[in-house]
Amino acid sequence: MTKGRRSDYIPRAPQNPQTDMFAKMQKIQEDMRRTQEELEQEIVDVTAAGGAITIAITGHQRVQSIKIDPSLVDPNDVGMLEDTLVAAVNEAILASQEHSAKRLEAVTGGVNIPGLM
């Protein structure tokens, strides 16, 4: 048997863990940028007050529309409408934040990145 190199040997470039990590971070940054842009356009529809209020809100927590069932409007009890509307908007914001967090978690793989959301 002859000693020497194997005939099927293919040299690989030396791996640098720092370079690999940098490349992964760049990809995550690009994916996050793209996801943030998509979230700006994505609409979450939330119904509240037993379906009497419907709010459309973006993934960036920007309210796009509010629809109120006319039966909820009582000129003699404006305070109830105001309270219900505040609760509905807060519910919509939470739903939008949860939607955004799920989308971004898919990008980061669940890694907590400081300053993100």
PDB file of N, CA and C in Angstrom:
ATOM      1  N   MET A   1       0.839  -1.161   0.000  1.00  0.00           N
ATOM      2  CA  MET A   1       0.000   0.000   0.000  1.00  0.00           C
ATOM      3  C   MET A   1       0.890   1.231   0.000  1.00  0.00           C
ATOM      4  N   THR A   2       0.548   2.194  -0.864  1.00  0.00           N
ATOM      5  CA  THR A   2       1.338   3.401  -0.988  1.00  0.00           C
ATOM      6  C   THR A   2       0.818   4.456  -0.034  1.00  0.00           C
ATOM      7  N   LYS A   3       1.768   5.117   0.636  1.00  0.00           N
ATOM      8  CA  LYS A   3       1.371   6.199   1.526  1.00  0.00           C
ATOM      9  C   LYS A   3       1.318   7.497   0.736  1.00  0.00           C
ATOM     10  N   GLY A   4       0.418   8.400   1.162  1.00  0.00           N
ATOM     11  CA  GLY A   4       0.291   9.699   0.496  1.00  0.00           C
ATOM     12  C   GLY A   4      -1.126  10.228   0.604  1.00  0.00           C
ATOM     13  N   ARG A   5      -1.418  11.154  -0.254  1.00  0.00           N
ATOM     14  CA  ARG A   5      -2.752  11.778  -0.231  1.00  0.00           C
ATOM     15  C   ARG A   5      -3.787  10.846  -0.827  1.00  0.00           C
ATOM     16  N   ARG A   6      -4.992  11.015  -0.275  1.00  0.00           N
ATOM     17  CA  ARG A   6      -6.113  10.272  -0.846  1.00  0.00           C
ATOM     18  C   ARG A   6      -6.474  10.917  -2.176  1.00  0.00           C
ATOM     19  N   SER A   7      -6.910  10.121  -3.096  1.00  0.00           N
ATOM     20  CA  SER A   7      -7.245  10.655  -4.411  1.00  0.00           C
ATOM     21  C   SER A   7      -8.560  11.430  -4.406  1.00  0.00           C
ATOM     22  N   ASP A   8      -9.399  11.187  -3.412  1.00  0.00           N
ATOM     23  CA  ASP A   8     -10.680  11.891  -3.357  1.00  0.00           C
ATOM     24  C   ASP A   8     -10.641  13.102  -2.417  1.00  0.00           C
ATOM     25  N   TYR A   9      -9.474  13.484  -1.952  1.00  0.00           N
ATOM     26  CA  TYR A   9      -9.321  14.595  -1.024  1.00  0.00           C
ATOM     27  C   TYR A   9      -9.550  15.925  -1.742  1.00  0.00           C
ATOM     28  N   ILE A  10     -10.450  16.740  -1.179  1.00  0.00           N
ATOM     29  CA  ILE A  10     -10.707  18.080  -1.712  1.00  0.00           C
ATOM     30  C   ILE A  10     -10.459  19.047  -0.561  1.00  0.00           C
ATOM     31  N   PRO A  11      -9.439  19.900  -0.681  1.00  0.00           N
ATOM     32  CA  PRO A  11      -9.141  20.832   0.418  1.00  0.00           C
ATOM     33  C   PRO A  11     -10.266  21.846   0.568  1.00  0.00           C
ATOM     34  N   ARG A  12     -10.579  22.167   1.818  1.00  0.00           N
ATOM     35  CA  ARG A  12     -11.589  23.180   2.108  1.00  0.00           C
ATOM     36  C   ARG A  12     -10.894  24.429   2.614  1.00  0.00           C
ATOM     37  N   ALA A  13     -11.554  25.542   2.356  1.00  0.00           N
ATOM     38  CA  ALA A  13     -11.025  26.801   2.883  1.00  0.00           C
ATOM     39  C   ALA A  13     -11.141  26.747   4.402  1.00  0.00           C
ATOM     40  N   PRO A  14     -10.150  27.274   5.087  1.00  0.00           N
ATOM     41  CA  PRO A  14     -10.232  27.269   6.540  1.00  0.00           C
ATOM     42  C   PRO A  14     -11.457  28.050   6.998  1.00  0.00           C
ATOM     43  N   GLN A  15     -12.140  27.515   7.995  1.00  0.00           N
ATOM     44  CA  GLN A  15     -13.336  28.170   8.498  1.00  0.00           C
ATOM     45  C   GLN A  15     -12.958  29.121   9.621  1.00  0.00           C
ATOM     46  N   ASN A  16     -13.530  30.279   9.560  1.00  0.00           N
ATOM     47  CA  ASN A  16     -13.304  31.285  10.576  1.00  0.00           C
ATOM     48  C   ASN A  16     -14.629  31.515  11.294  1.00  0.00           C
ATOM     49  N   PRO A  17     -14.750  31.117  12.553  1.00  0.00           N
ATOM     50  CA  PRO A  17     -16.013  31.279  13.268  1.00  0.00           C
ATOM     51  C   PRO A  17     -16.502  32.724  13.311  1.00  0.00           C
ATOM     52  N   GLN A  18     -15.588  33.684  13.389  1.00  0.00           N
ATOM     53  CA  GLN A  18     -15.998  35.084  13.426  1.00  0.00           C
ATOM     54  C   GLN A  18     -16.602  35.511  12.091  1.00  0.00           C
ATOM     55  N   THR A  19     -16.023  35.063  11.001  1.00  0.00           N
ATOM     56  CA  THR A  19     -16.548  35.391   9.675  1.00  0.00           C
ATOM     57  C   THR A  19     -17.918  34.759   9.489  1.00  0.00           C
ATOM     58  N   ASP A  20     -18.067  33.507   9.927  1.00  0.00           N
ATOM     59  CA  ASP A  20     -19.360  32.828   9.825  1.00  0.00           C
ATOM     60  C   ASP A  20     -20.418  33.564  10.642  1.00  0.00           C
ATOM     61  N   MET A  21     -20.069  33.963  11.853  1.00  0.00           N
ATOM     62  CA  MET A  21     -21.012  34.666  12.715  1.00  0.00           C
ATOM     63  C   MET A  21     -21.387  36.016  12.112  1.00  0.00           C
ATOM     64  N   PHE A  22     -20.413  36.716  11.546  1.00  0.00           N
ATOM     65  CA  PHE A  22     -20.668  38.009  10.918  1.00  0.00           C
ATOM     66  C   PHE A  22     -21.633  37.840   9.746  1.00  0.00           C
ATOM     67  N   ALA A  23     -21.425  36.818   8.937  1.00  0.00           N
ATOM     68  CA  ALA A  23     -22.299  36.564   7.791  1.00  0.00           C
ATOM     69  C   ALA A  23     -23.719  36.243   8.266  1.00  0.00           C
ATOM     70  N   LYS A  24     -23.832  35.462   9.332  1.00  0.00           N
ATOM     71  CA  LYS A  24     -25.153  35.130   9.873  1.00  0.00           C
ATOM     72  C   LYS A  24     -25.855  36.383  10.391  1.00  0.00           C
ATOM     73  N   MET A  25     -25.112  37.239  11.074  1.00  0.00           N
ATOM     74  CA  MET A  25     -25.690  38.469  11.608  1.00  0.00           C
ATOM     75  C   MET A  25     -26.144  39.393  10.473  1.00  0.00           C
ATOM     76  N   GLN A  26     -25.359  39.464   9.404  1.00  0.00           N
ATOM     77  CA  GLN A  26     -25.749  40.285   8.259  1.00  0.00           C
ATOM     78  C   GLN A  26     -27.049  39.761   7.649  1.00  0.00           C
ATOM     79  N   LYS A  27     -27.174  38.444   7.549  1.00  0.00           N
ATOM     80  CA  LYS A  27     -28.387  37.854   6.992  1.00  0.00           C
ATOM     81  C   LYS A  27     -29.577  38.152   7.894  1.00  0.00           C
ATOM     82  N   ILE A  28     -29.403  38.022   9.201  1.00  0.00           N
ATOM     83  CA  ILE A  28     -30.485  38.316  10.139  1.00  0.00           C
ATOM     84  C   ILE A  28     -30.894  39.778  10.028  1.00  0.00           C
ATOM     85  N   GLN A  29     -29.912  40.679   9.931  1.00  0.00           N
ATOM     86  CA  GLN A  29     -30.224  42.107   9.788  1.00  0.00           C
ATOM     87  C   GLN A  29     -31.040  42.365   8.530  1.00  0.00           C
ATOM     88  N   GLU A  30     -30.655  41.762   7.434  1.00  0.00           N
ATOM     89  CA  GLU A  30     -31.368  41.950   6.173  1.00  0.00           C
ATOM     90  C   GLU A  30     -32.781  41.369   6.272  1.00  0.00           C
ATOM     91  N   ASP A  31     -32.905  40.188   6.856  1.00  0.00           N
ATOM     92  CA  ASP A  31     -34.222  39.575   7.028  1.00  0.00           C
ATOM     93  C   ASP A  31     -35.109  40.433   7.930  1.00  0.00           C
ATOM     94  N   MET A  32     -34.519  41.001   8.976  1.00  0.00           N
ATOM     95  CA  MET A  32     -35.290  41.844   9.883  1.00  0.00           C
ATOM     96  C   MET A  32     -35.727  43.135   9.190  1.00  0.00           C
ATOM     97  N   ARG A  33     -34.855  43.722   8.406  1.00  0.00           N
ATOM     98  CA  ARG A  33     -35.209  44.943   7.670  1.00  0.00           C
ATOM     99  C   ARG A  33     -36.389  44.662   6.742  1.00  0.00           C
ATOM    100  N   ARG A  34     -36.304  43.548   6.030  1.00  0.00           N
ATOM    101  CA  ARG A  34     -37.371  43.172   5.101  1.00  0.00           C
ATOM    102  C   ARG A  34     -38.681  42.901   5.870  1.00  0.00           C
ATOM    103  N   THR A  35     -38.586  42.204   6.985  1.00  0.00           N
ATOM    104  CA  THR A  35     -39.771  41.897   7.784  1.00  0.00           C
ATOM    105  C   THR A  35     -40.393  43.175   8.340  1.00  0.00           C
ATOM    106  N   GLN A  36     -39.563  44.122   8.799  1.00  0.00           N
ATOM    107  CA  GLN A  36     -40.081  45.398   9.300  1.00  0.00           C
ATOM    108  C   GLN A  36     -40.841  46.133   8.194  1.00  0.00           C
ATOM    109  N   GLU A  37     -40.313  46.110   6.983  1.00  0.00           N
ATOM    110  CA  GLU A  37     -40.994  46.762   5.864  1.00  0.00           C
ATOM    111  C   GLU A  37     -42.332  46.081   5.582  1.00  0.00           C
ATOM    112  N   GLU A  38     -42.341  44.751   5.642  1.00  0.00           N
ATOM    113  CA  GLU A  38     -43.575  44.002   5.411  1.00  0.00           C
ATOM    114  C   GLU A  38     -44.604  44.305   6.497  1.00  0.00           C
ATOM    115  N   LEU A  39     -44.143  44.392   7.751  1.00  0.00           N
ATOM    116  CA  LEU A  39     -45.056  44.670   8.865  1.00  0.00           C
ATOM    117  C   LEU A  39     -45.750  46.015   8.716  1.00  0.00           C
ATOM    118  N   GLU A  40     -45.066  46.950   8.095  1.00  0.00           N
ATOM    119  CA  GLU A  40     -45.653  48.271   7.882  1.00  0.00           C
ATOM    120  C   GLU A  40     -46.900  48.173   7.000  1.00  0.00           C
ATOM    121  N   GLN A  41     -46.917  47.175   6.108  1.00  0.00           N
ATOM    122  CA  GLN A  41     -48.028  47.002   5.174  1.00  0.00           C
ATOM    123  C   GLN A  41     -49.068  45.987   5.663  1.00  0.00           C
ATOM    124  N   GLU A  42     -48.693  45.118   6.597  1.00  0.00           N
ATOM    125  CA  GLU A  42     -49.607  44.077   7.069  1.00  0.00           C
ATOM    126  C   GLU A  42     -50.653  44.677   7.995  1.00  0.00           C
ATOM    127  N   ILE A  43     -51.902  44.270   7.791  1.00  0.00           N
ATOM    128  CA  ILE A  43     -53.019  44.776   8.580  1.00  0.00           C
ATOM    129  C   ILE A  43     -53.553  43.654   9.459  1.00  0.00           C
ATOM    130  N   VAL A  44     -53.739  43.980  10.747  1.00  0.00           N
ATOM    131  CA  VAL A  44     -54.349  43.065  11.701  1.00  0.00           C
ATOM    132  C   VAL A  44     -55.741  43.621  11.996  1.00  0.00           C
ATOM    133  N   ASP A  45     -56.779  42.800  11.779  1.00  0.00           N
ATOM    134  CA  ASP A  45     -58.149  43.215  12.088  1.00  0.00           C
ATOM    135  C   ASP A  45     -58.528  42.663  13.451  1.00  0.00           C
ATOM    136  N   VAL A  46     -59.008  43.544  14.315  1.00  0.00           N
ATOM    137  CA  VAL A  46     -59.368  43.173  15.678  1.00  0.00           C
ATOM    138  C   VAL A  46     -60.804  43.604  15.935  1.00  0.00           C
ATOM    139  N   THR A  47     -61.600  42.676  16.459  1.00  0.00           N
ATOM    140  CA  THR A  47     -62.952  43.034  16.862  1.00  0.00           C
ATOM    141  C   THR A  47     -63.004  43.058  18.386  1.00  0.00           C
ATOM    142  N   ALA A  48     -63.778  43.988  18.913  1.00  0.00           N
ATOM    143  CA  ALA A  48     -63.891  44.149  20.368  1.00  0.00           C
ATOM    144  C   ALA A  48     -65.332  44.503  20.700  1.00  0.00           C
ATOM    145  N   ALA A  49     -65.622  44.593  21.976  1.00  0.00           N
ATOM    146  CA  ALA A  49     -66.952  44.946  22.470  1.00  0.00           C
ATOM    147  C   ALA A  49     -68.015  44.040  21.863  1.00  0.00           C
ATOM    148  N   GLY A  50     -67.722  42.746  21.871  1.00  0.00           N
ATOM    149  CA  GLY A  50     -68.685  41.783  21.340  1.00  0.00           C
ATOM    150  C   GLY A  50     -68.925  41.923  19.853  1.00  0.00           C
ATOM    151  N   GLY A  51     -67.937  42.421  19.131  1.00  0.00           N
ATOM    152  CA  GLY A  51     -68.055  42.593  17.688  1.00  0.00           C
ATOM    153  C   GLY A  51     -68.605  43.950  17.282  1.00  0.00           C
ATOM    154  N   ALA A  52     -68.876  44.809  18.251  1.00  0.00           N
ATOM    155  CA  ALA A  52     -69.453  46.121  17.946  1.00  0.00           C
ATOM    156  C   ALA A  52     -68.417  47.104  17.420  1.00  0.00           C
ATOM    157  N   ILE A  53     -67.134  46.820  17.664  1.00  0.00           N
ATOM    158  CA  ILE A  53     -66.061  47.686  17.174  1.00  0.00           C
ATOM    159  C   ILE A  53     -65.060  46.824  16.430  1.00  0.00           C
ATOM    160  N   THR A  54     -64.670  47.275  15.243  1.00  0.00           N
ATOM    161  CA  THR A  54     -63.634  46.603  14.462  1.00  0.00           C
ATOM    162  C   THR A  54     -62.547  47.625  14.152  1.00  0.00           C
ATOM    163  N   ILE A  55     -61.308  47.230  14.472  1.00  0.00           N
ATOM    164  CA  ILE A  55     -60.176  48.121  14.236  1.00  0.00           C
ATOM    165  C   ILE A  55     -59.186  47.415  13.315  1.00  0.00           C
ATOM    166  N   ALA A  56     -58.746  48.128  12.291  1.00  0.00           N
ATOM    167  CA  ALA A  56     -57.684  47.652  11.402  1.00  0.00           C
ATOM    168  C   ALA A  56     -56.419  48.413  11.784  1.00  0.00           C
ATOM    169  N   ILE A  57     -55.355  47.667  12.087  1.00  0.00           N
ATOM    170  CA  ILE A  57     -54.112  48.270  12.564  1.00  0.00           C
ATOM    171  C   ILE A  57     -52.935  47.584  11.879  1.00  0.00           C
ATOM    172  N   THR A  58     -51.889  48.348  11.573  1.00  0.00           N
ATOM    173  CA  THR A  58     -50.721  47.771  10.902  1.00  0.00           C
ATOM    174  C   THR A  58     -49.802  47.088  11.916  1.00  0.00           C
ATOM    175  N   GLY A  59     -48.821  46.372  11.393  1.00  0.00           N
ATOM    176  CA  GLY A  59     -47.803  45.751  12.230  1.00  0.00           C
ATOM    177  C   GLY A  59     -46.908  46.766  12.909  1.00  0.00           C
ATOM    178  N   HIS A  60     -47.024  48.024  12.530  1.00  0.00           N
ATOM    179  CA  HIS A  60     -46.267  49.109  13.173  1.00  0.00           C
ATOM    180  C   HIS A  60     -47.148  49.900  14.129  1.00  0.00           C
ATOM    181  N   GLN A  61     -48.287  49.329  14.497  1.00  0.00           N
ATOM    182  CA  GLN A  61     -49.232  49.927  15.436  1.00  0.00           C
ATOM    183  C   GLN A  61     -49.798  51.259  14.953  1.00  0.00           C
ATOM    184  N   ARG A  62     -50.126  51.335  13.678  1.00  0.00           N
ATOM    185  CA  ARG A  62     -50.777  52.521  13.122  1.00  0.00           C
ATOM    186  C   ARG A  62     -52.219  52.143  12.787  1.00  0.00           C
ATOM    187  N   VAL A  63     -53.174  52.781  13.459  1.00  0.00           N
ATOM    188  CA  VAL A  63     -54.584  52.486  13.232  1.00  0.00           C
ATOM    189  C   VAL A  63     -54.961  52.968  11.831  1.00  0.00           C
ATOM    190  N   GLN A  64     -55.550  52.058  11.050  1.00  0.00           N
ATOM    191  CA  GLN A  64     -55.946  52.378   9.686  1.00  0.00           C
ATOM    192  C   GLN A  64     -57.429  52.734   9.599  1.00  0.00           C
ATOM    193  N   SER A  65     -58.249  52.031  10.398  1.00  0.00           N
ATOM    194  CA  SER A  65     -59.674  52.337  10.393  1.00  0.00           C
ATOM    195  C   SER A  65     -60.317  51.819  11.677  1.00  0.00           C
ATOM    196  N   ILE A  66     -61.440  52.454  12.023  1.00  0.00           N
ATOM    197  CA  ILE A  66     -62.254  52.028  13.162  1.00  0.00           C
ATOM    198  C   ILE A  66     -63.704  52.034  12.681  1.00  0.00           C
ATOM    199  N   LYS A  67     -64.370  50.902  12.866  1.00  0.00           N
ATOM    200  CA  LYS A  67     -65.786  50.800  12.510  1.00  0.00           C
ATOM    201  C   LYS A  67     -66.563  50.539  13.801  1.00  0.00           C
ATOM    202  N   ILE A  68     -67.620  51.305  14.002  1.00  0.00           N
ATOM    203  CA  ILE A  68     -68.436  51.198  15.214  1.00  0.00           C
ATOM    204  C   ILE A  68     -69.867  50.863  14.820  1.00  0.00           C
ATOM    205  N   ASP A  69     -70.405  49.826  15.428  1.00  0.00           N
ATOM    206  CA  ASP A  69     -71.802  49.467  15.206  1.00  0.00           C
ATOM    207  C   ASP A  69     -72.667  50.608  15.742  1.00  0.00           C
ATOM    208  N   PRO A  70     -73.583  51.115  14.921  1.00  0.00           N
ATOM    209  CA  PRO A  70     -74.422  52.247  15.346  1.00  0.00           C
ATOM    210  C   PRO A  70     -75.185  51.987  16.648  1.00  0.00           C
ATOM    211  N   SER A  71     -75.482  50.733  16.942  1.00  0.00           N
ATOM    212  CA  SER A  71     -76.232  50.437  18.174  1.00  0.00           C
ATOM    213  C   SER A  71     -75.415  50.760  19.425  1.00  0.00           C
ATOM    214  N   LEU A  72     -74.107  50.887  19.253  1.00  0.00           N
ATOM    215  CA  LEU A  72     -73.229  51.205  20.382  1.00  0.00           C
ATOM    216  C   LEU A  72     -73.243  52.704  20.698  1.00  0.00           C
ATOM    217  N   VAL A  73     -73.722  53.500  19.756  1.00  0.00           N
ATOM    218  CA  VAL A  73     -73.712  54.953  19.916  1.00  0.00           C
ATOM    219  C   VAL A  73     -74.997  55.406  20.623  1.00  0.00           C
ATOM    220  N   ASP A  74     -74.816  55.889  21.838  1.00  0.00           N
ATOM    221  CA  ASP A  74     -75.929  56.421  22.625  1.00  0.00           C
ATOM    222  C   ASP A  74     -75.560  57.844  23.022  1.00  0.00           C
ATOM    223  N   PRO A  75     -76.235  58.832  22.459  1.00  0.00           N
ATOM    224  CA  PRO A  75     -75.893  60.222  22.763  1.00  0.00           C
ATOM    225  C   PRO A  75     -75.996  60.557  24.251  1.00  0.00           C
ATOM    226  N   ASN A  76     -76.753  59.764  24.986  1.00  0.00           N
ATOM    227  CA  ASN A  76     -76.908  60.014  26.415  1.00  0.00           C
ATOM    228  C   ASN A  76     -75.817  59.346  27.248  1.00  0.00           C
ATOM    229  N   ASP A  77     -74.962  58.544  26.598  1.00  0.00           N
ATOM    230  CA  ASP A  77     -73.897  57.843  27.341  1.00  0.00           C
ATOM    231  C   ASP A  77     -72.610  57.827  26.521  1.00  0.00           C
ATOM    232  N   VAL A  78     -72.122  59.006  26.222  1.00  0.00           N
ATOM    233  CA  VAL A  78     -70.892  59.149  25.442  1.00  0.00           C
ATOM    234  C   VAL A  78     -69.700  58.549  26.184  1.00  0.00           C
ATOM    235  N   GLY A  79     -69.688  58.651  27.486  1.00  0.00           N
ATOM    236  CA  GLY A  79     -68.589  58.107  28.291  1.00  0.00           C
ATOM    237  C   GLY A  79     -68.400  56.613  28.089  1.00  0.00           C
ATOM    238  N   MET A  80     -69.504  55.870  27.971  1.00  0.00           N
ATOM    239  CA  MET A  80     -69.414  54.424  27.725  1.00  0.00           C
ATOM    240  C   MET A  80     -68.756  54.156  26.373  1.00  0.00           C
ATOM    241  N   LEU A  81     -69.137  54.913  25.369  1.00  0.00           N
ATOM    242  CA  LEU A  81     -68.542  54.750  24.037  1.00  0.00           C
ATOM    243  C   LEU A  81     -67.051  55.058  24.080  1.00  0.00           C
ATOM    244  N   GLU A  82     -66.687  56.119  24.753  1.00  0.00           N
ATOM    245  CA  GLU A  82     -65.269  56.492  24.867  1.00  0.00           C
ATOM    246  C   GLU A  82     -64.467  55.400  25.556  1.00  0.00           C
ATOM    247  N   ASP A  83     -64.991  54.885  26.676  1.00  0.00           N
ATOM    248  CA  ASP A  83     -64.288  53.817  27.401  1.00  0.00           C
ATOM    249  C   ASP A  83     -64.151  52.562  26.551  1.00  0.00           C
ATOM    250  N   THR A  84     -65.220  52.216  25.847  1.00  0.00           N
ATOM    251  CA  THR A  84     -65.199  51.022  24.987  1.00  0.00           C
ATOM    252  C   THR A  84     -64.196  51.203  23.857  1.00  0.00           C
ATOM    253  N   LEU A  85     -64.147  52.384  23.297  1.00  0.00           N
ATOM    254  CA  LEU A  85     -63.223  52.671  22.200  1.00  0.00           C
ATOM    255  C   LEU A  85     -61.769  52.599  22.673  1.00  0.00           C
ATOM    256  N   VAL A  86     -61.481  53.154  23.843  1.00  0.00           N
ATOM    257  CA  VAL A  86     -60.127  53.087  24.397  1.00  0.00           C
ATOM    258  C   VAL A  86     -59.720  51.632  24.607  1.00  0.00           C
ATOM    259  N   ALA A  87     -60.601  50.817  25.179  1.00  0.00           N
ATOM    260  CA  ALA A  87     -60.301  49.403  25.406  1.00  0.00           C
ATOM    261  C   ALA A  87     -60.066  48.677  24.078  1.00  0.00           C
ATOM    262  N   ALA A  88     -60.871  48.995  23.075  1.00  0.00           N
ATOM    263  CA  ALA A  88     -60.727  48.344  21.766  1.00  0.00           C
ATOM    264  C   ALA A  88     -59.404  48.719  21.094  1.00  0.00           C
ATOM    265  N   VAL A  89     -59.030  49.987  21.167  1.00  0.00           N
ATOM    266  CA  VAL A  89     -57.761  50.429  20.571  1.00  0.00           C
ATOM    267  C   VAL A  89     -56.589  49.752  21.280  1.00  0.00           C
ATOM    268  N   ASN A  90     -56.640  49.695  22.611  1.00  0.00           N
ATOM    269  CA  ASN A  90     -55.565  49.025  23.349  1.00  0.00           C
ATOM    270  C   ASN A  90     -55.479  47.545  22.985  1.00  0.00           C
ATOM    271  N   GLU A  91     -56.619  46.907  22.816  1.00  0.00           N
ATOM    272  CA  GLU A  91     -56.644  45.498  22.403  1.00  0.00           C
ATOM    273  C   GLU A  91     -56.031  45.334  21.014  1.00  0.00           C
ATOM    274  N   ALA A  92     -56.337  46.253  20.117  1.00  0.00           N
ATOM    275  CA  ALA A  92     -55.779  46.205  18.763  1.00  0.00           C
ATOM    276  C   ALA A  92     -54.266  46.396  18.782  1.00  0.00           C
ATOM    277  N   ILE A  93     -53.788  47.309  19.616  1.00  0.00           N
ATOM    278  CA  ILE A  93     -52.341  47.540  19.718  1.00  0.00           C
ATOM    279  C   ILE A  93     -51.641  46.281  20.216  1.00  0.00           C
ATOM    280  N   LEU A  94     -52.207  45.645  21.238  1.00  0.00           N
ATOM    281  CA  LEU A  94     -51.616  44.400  21.752  1.00  0.00           C
ATOM    282  C   LEU A  94     -51.591  43.310  20.679  1.00  0.00           C
ATOM    283  N   ALA A  95     -52.680  43.185  19.932  1.00  0.00           N
ATOM    284  CA  ALA A  95     -52.735  42.176  18.868  1.00  0.00           C
ATOM    285  C   ALA A  95     -51.679  42.455  17.802  1.00  0.00           C
ATOM    286  N   SER A  96     -51.507  43.728  17.467  1.00  0.00           N
ATOM    287  CA  SER A  96     -50.500  44.104  16.478  1.00  0.00           C
ATOM    288  C   SER A  96     -49.091  43.809  16.988  1.00  0.00           C
ATOM    289  N   GLN A  97     -48.841  44.113  18.253  1.00  0.00           N
ATOM    290  CA  GLN A  97     -47.523  43.835  18.834  1.00  0.00           C
ATOM    291  C   GLN A  97     -47.237  42.335  18.870  1.00  0.00           C
ATOM    292  N   GLU A  98     -48.239  41.535  19.211  1.00  0.00           N
ATOM    293  CA  GLU A  98     -48.058  40.080  19.230  1.00  0.00           C
ATOM    294  C   GLU A  98     -47.778  39.554  17.825  1.00  0.00           C
ATOM    295  N   HIS A  99     -48.506  40.081  16.846  1.00  0.00           N
ATOM    296  CA  HIS A  99     -48.284  39.682  15.444  1.00  0.00           C
ATOM    297  C   HIS A  99     -46.850  40.016  15.021  1.00  0.00           C
ATOM    298  N   SER A 100     -46.412  41.232  15.329  1.00  0.00           N
ATOM    299  CA  SER A 100     -45.061  41.663  14.961  1.00  0.00           C
ATOM    300  C   SER A 100     -44.011  40.811  15.667  1.00  0.00           C
ATOM    301  N   ALA A 101     -44.227  40.523  16.944  1.00  0.00           N
ATOM    302  CA  ALA A 101     -43.262  39.722  17.703  1.00  0.00           C
ATOM    303  C   ALA A 101     -43.126  38.326  17.111  1.00  0.00           C
ATOM    304  N   LYS A 102     -44.242  37.733  16.703  1.00  0.00           N
ATOM    305  CA  LYS A 102     -44.191  36.394  16.089  1.00  0.00           C
ATOM    306  C   LYS A 102     -43.426  36.430  14.772  1.00  0.00           C
ATOM    307  N   ARG A 103     -43.693  37.452  13.967  1.00  0.00           N
ATOM    308  CA  ARG A 103     -43.005  37.566  12.669  1.00  0.00           C
ATOM    309  C   ARG A 103     -41.507  37.758  12.862  1.00  0.00           C
ATOM    310  N   LEU A 104     -41.121  38.612  13.829  1.00  0.00           N
ATOM    311  CA  LEU A 104     -39.703  38.879  14.055  1.00  0.00           C
ATOM    312  C   LEU A 104     -39.019  37.693  14.734  1.00  0.00           C
ATOM    313  N   GLU A 105     -39.748  36.966  15.571  1.00  0.00           N
ATOM    314  CA  GLU A 105     -39.178  35.776  16.213  1.00  0.00           C
ATOM    315  C   GLU A 105     -38.820  34.729  15.165  1.00  0.00           C
ATOM    316  N   ALA A 106     -39.617  34.666  14.108  1.00  0.00           N
ATOM    317  CA  ALA A 106     -39.318  33.729  13.028  1.00  0.00           C
ATOM    318  C   ALA A 106     -37.984  34.082  12.363  1.00  0.00           C
ATOM    319  N   VAL A 107     -37.650  35.358  12.327  1.00  0.00           N
ATOM    320  CA  VAL A 107     -36.397  35.808  11.717  1.00  0.00           C
ATOM    321  C   VAL A 107     -35.215  35.557  12.647  1.00  0.00           C
ATOM    322  N   THR A 108     -35.398  35.891  13.929  1.00  0.00           N
ATOM    323  CA  THR A 108     -34.281  35.804  14.873  1.00  0.00           C
ATOM    324  C   THR A 108     -34.132  34.421  15.497  1.00  0.00           C
ATOM    325  N   GLY A 109     -35.084  33.539  15.251  1.00  0.00           N
ATOM    326  CA  GLY A 109     -35.008  32.212  15.837  1.00  0.00           C
ATOM    327  C   GLY A 109     -35.237  32.235  17.341  1.00  0.00           C
ATOM    328  N   GLY A 110     -35.925  33.242  17.828  1.00  0.00           N
ATOM    329  CA  GLY A 110     -36.218  33.351  19.252  1.00  0.00           C
ATOM    330  C   GLY A 110     -35.118  33.991  20.073  1.00  0.00           C
ATOM    331  N   VAL A 111     -34.030  34.421  19.415  1.00  0.00           N
ATOM    332  CA  VAL A 111     -32.937  35.075  20.131  1.00  0.00           C
ATOM    333  C   VAL A 111     -33.379  36.493  20.491  1.00  0.00           C
ATOM    334  N   ASN A 112     -33.210  36.867  21.750  1.00  0.00           N
ATOM    335  CA  ASN A 112     -33.594  38.199  22.204  1.00  0.00           C
ATOM    336  C   ASN A 112     -32.509  39.197  21.794  1.00  0.00           C
ATOM    337  N   ILE A 113     -32.885  40.129  20.937  1.00  0.00           N
ATOM    338  CA  ILE A 113     -31.939  41.154  20.473  1.00  0.00           C
ATOM    339  C   ILE A 113     -32.316  42.460  21.136  1.00  0.00           C
ATOM    340  N   PRO A 114     -31.437  43.021  21.963  1.00  0.00           N
ATOM    341  CA  PRO A 114     -31.746  44.263  22.677  1.00  0.00           C
ATOM    342  C   PRO A 114     -32.140  45.382  21.720  1.00  0.00           C
ATOM    343  N   GLY A 115     -33.162  46.139  22.124  1.00  0.00           N
ATOM    344  CA  GLY A 115     -33.613  47.266  21.337  1.00  0.00           C
ATOM    345  C   GLY A 115     -34.606  46.904  20.260  1.00  0.00           C
ATOM    346  N   LEU A 116     -34.946  45.625  20.150  1.00  0.00           N
ATOM    347  CA  LEU A 116     -35.881  45.178  19.123  1.00  0.00           C
ATOM    348  C   LEU A 116     -37.235  44.974  19.758  1.00  0.00           C
ATOM    349  N   MET A 117     -38.202  45.720  19.311  1.00  0.00           N
ATOM    350  CA  MET A 117     -39.584  45.645  19.780  1.00  0.00           C
ATOM    351  C   MET A 117     -39.601  45.685  21.260  1.00  0.00           C
TER     352      MET A 117
END
